[in-house]
Amino acid sequence: MVMLNLPSYLEDKIFELRFDSENTISGIVSYFPLSNSEKQEIISILDKNLTDGFHSIFADVISEEEWNKSKEQIKKKFKDELFDIDNI
């Protein structure tokens, strides 16, 4: 995943970047909803308001502690299940 100088703790939470027709970032998909301060930090770093905004794969809000404890398992399970879709 290509990231634009985001701190690793933010980069780690992002699943996908969405690009517009000009090949600039238009939206961000995270595993879980980002906090308002995380969104503001990303907007500030990118120096751009995102036209497609922020989306998340899962709707549940989890704490930073829960994320850090289970993020590798969550990412692996999600990626494994996503790739298994091709085999159905």
Protein backbone atom coordinates (compact mmCIF):
# COMPACT_ATOMS: atom_id res chain seq x y z
CA MET A 1 0.00 0.00 0.00
CA VAL A 2 1.39 3.40 -0.97
CA MET A 3 1.09 5.87 1.85
CA LEU A 4 1.89 9.55 1.91
CA ASN A 5 4.01 10.14 5.02
CA LEU A 6 1.38 9.01 7.49
CA PRO A 7 2.55 7.92 10.93
CA SER A 8 2.72 4.13 11.21
CA TYR A 9 -0.12 4.00 13.77
CA LEU A 10 -2.45 5.59 11.18
CA GLU A 11 -1.08 3.71 8.20
CA ASP A 12 -1.66 0.48 10.11
CA LYS A 13 -5.39 1.18 10.40
CA ILE A 14 -5.91 1.83 6.68
CA PHE A 15 -7.04 -0.94 4.37
CA GLU A 16 -7.34 0.98 1.10
CA LEU A 17 -6.76 4.37 -0.48
CA ARG A 18 -9.22 5.52 -3.14
CA PHE A 19 -8.05 7.70 -6.00
CA ASP A 20 -9.90 10.09 -8.29
CA SER A 21 -9.47 10.56 -12.03
CA GLU A 22 -6.46 12.81 -11.40
CA ASN A 23 -4.80 10.01 -9.43
CA THR A 24 -4.94 11.89 -6.13
CA ILE A 25 -6.32 10.41 -2.92
CA SER A 26 -10.07 10.97 -2.75
CA GLY A 27 -11.05 8.60 0.06
CA ILE A 28 -9.76 6.23 2.71
CA VAL A 29 -11.11 2.86 3.83
CA SER A 30 -10.02 1.77 7.29
CA TYR A 31 -10.63 -1.52 9.08
CA PHE A 32 -12.64 0.20 11.83
CA PRO A 33 -14.00 3.76 11.97
CA LEU A 34 -11.28 6.31 12.58
CA SER A 35 -11.71 8.82 15.37
CA ASN A 36 -12.35 12.45 14.50
CA SER A 37 -8.85 13.39 15.61
CA GLU A 38 -7.34 10.67 13.39
CA LYS A 39 -9.36 11.94 10.42
CA GLN A 40 -8.27 15.51 11.08
CA GLU A 41 -4.65 14.42 11.35
CA ILE A 42 -4.84 12.62 8.00
CA ILE A 43 -6.51 15.61 6.32
CA SER A 44 -3.82 17.87 7.78
CA ILE A 45 -0.97 15.62 6.60
CA LEU A 46 -2.46 15.22 3.11
CA ASP A 47 -3.28 18.95 3.04
CA LYS A 48 -6.45 18.01 1.18
CA ASN A 49 -10.12 17.56 1.97
CA LEU A 50 -11.17 14.10 0.82
CA THR A 51 -14.03 14.11 -1.68
CA ASP A 52 -15.02 10.49 -1.04
CA GLY A 53 -14.37 10.83 2.69
CA PHE A 54 -13.69 8.11 5.19
CA HIS A 55 -15.24 4.65 5.18
CA SER A 56 -14.60 1.52 7.21
CA ILE A 57 -14.99 -2.19 6.60
CA PHE A 58 -16.38 -2.89 10.07
CA ALA A 59 -18.90 -0.63 11.84
CA ASP A 60 -17.83 -1.54 15.39
CA VAL A 61 -15.84 1.06 17.27
CA ILE A 62 -12.95 -0.48 19.16
CA SER A 63 -10.45 1.00 21.58
CA GLU A 64 -6.82 1.59 20.73
CA GLU A 65 -5.95 -1.17 23.20
CA GLU A 66 -8.29 -3.65 21.49
CA TRP A 67 -6.91 -2.69 18.07
CA ASN A 68 -3.29 -3.14 19.15
CA LYS A 69 -4.06 -6.47 20.78
CA SER A 70 -5.91 -7.99 17.84
CA LYS A 71 -4.91 -6.09 14.69
CA GLU A 72 -2.67 -8.78 13.21
CA GLN A 73 -5.33 -11.43 13.69
CA ILE A 74 -8.03 -9.16 12.25
CA LYS A 75 -5.94 -8.27 9.20
CA LYS A 76 -4.93 -11.88 8.53
CA LYS A 77 -8.46 -13.21 8.90
CA PHE A 78 -9.92 -10.53 6.67
CA LYS A 79 -7.30 -10.98 3.95
CA ASP A 80 -7.60 -14.79 4.08
CA GLU A 81 -11.38 -14.61 3.75
CA LEU A 82 -11.16 -12.03 0.98
CA PHE A 83 -8.81 -14.22 -1.05
CA ASP A 84 -10.97 -17.29 -0.41
CA ILE A 85 -13.87 -15.56 -2.19
CA ASP A 86 -12.09 -16.31 -5.50
CA ASN A 87 -12.24 -20.03 -4.73
CA ILE A 88 -16.02 -20.14 -4.28
